[in-house]
Amino acid sequence: MCLGVPGKIVEKYEKGGLHMARVDFGGIFREACLDYVENAEIGDYCVIHVGFAISVLSESDAMETLELLRQIGSVEEELGEPVQSIPRYQP
């Protein structure tokens, strides 16, 4: 499953004609394209999905979302290893 994850824009620049940003995900920095959210500024939080900023959100919404994602990440820890894996789809 692919999730959009909130990150904080720490730098903006242009690369190959695209509006780009360096985005901080709690100490992990990635590059993201800002062309879908051209109003985003340094210090804003954006939802990043597969390298594209798809929406701007408030810091409080970003923190709430990150906390929920942290909780989801611990689901496997709470449930343990799956008893049986799901078989791969074969048409």
Foldseek 3Di string as FASTA:
>chain_A
DWFFAKWFFADWDDDPNFIKTWTHDPNDTDIATEPQPVVDDHGWIFGGTPRYGNGTDHPVVNVVVVVVVVVVVCVCVVVPDDPDDDDDDDD
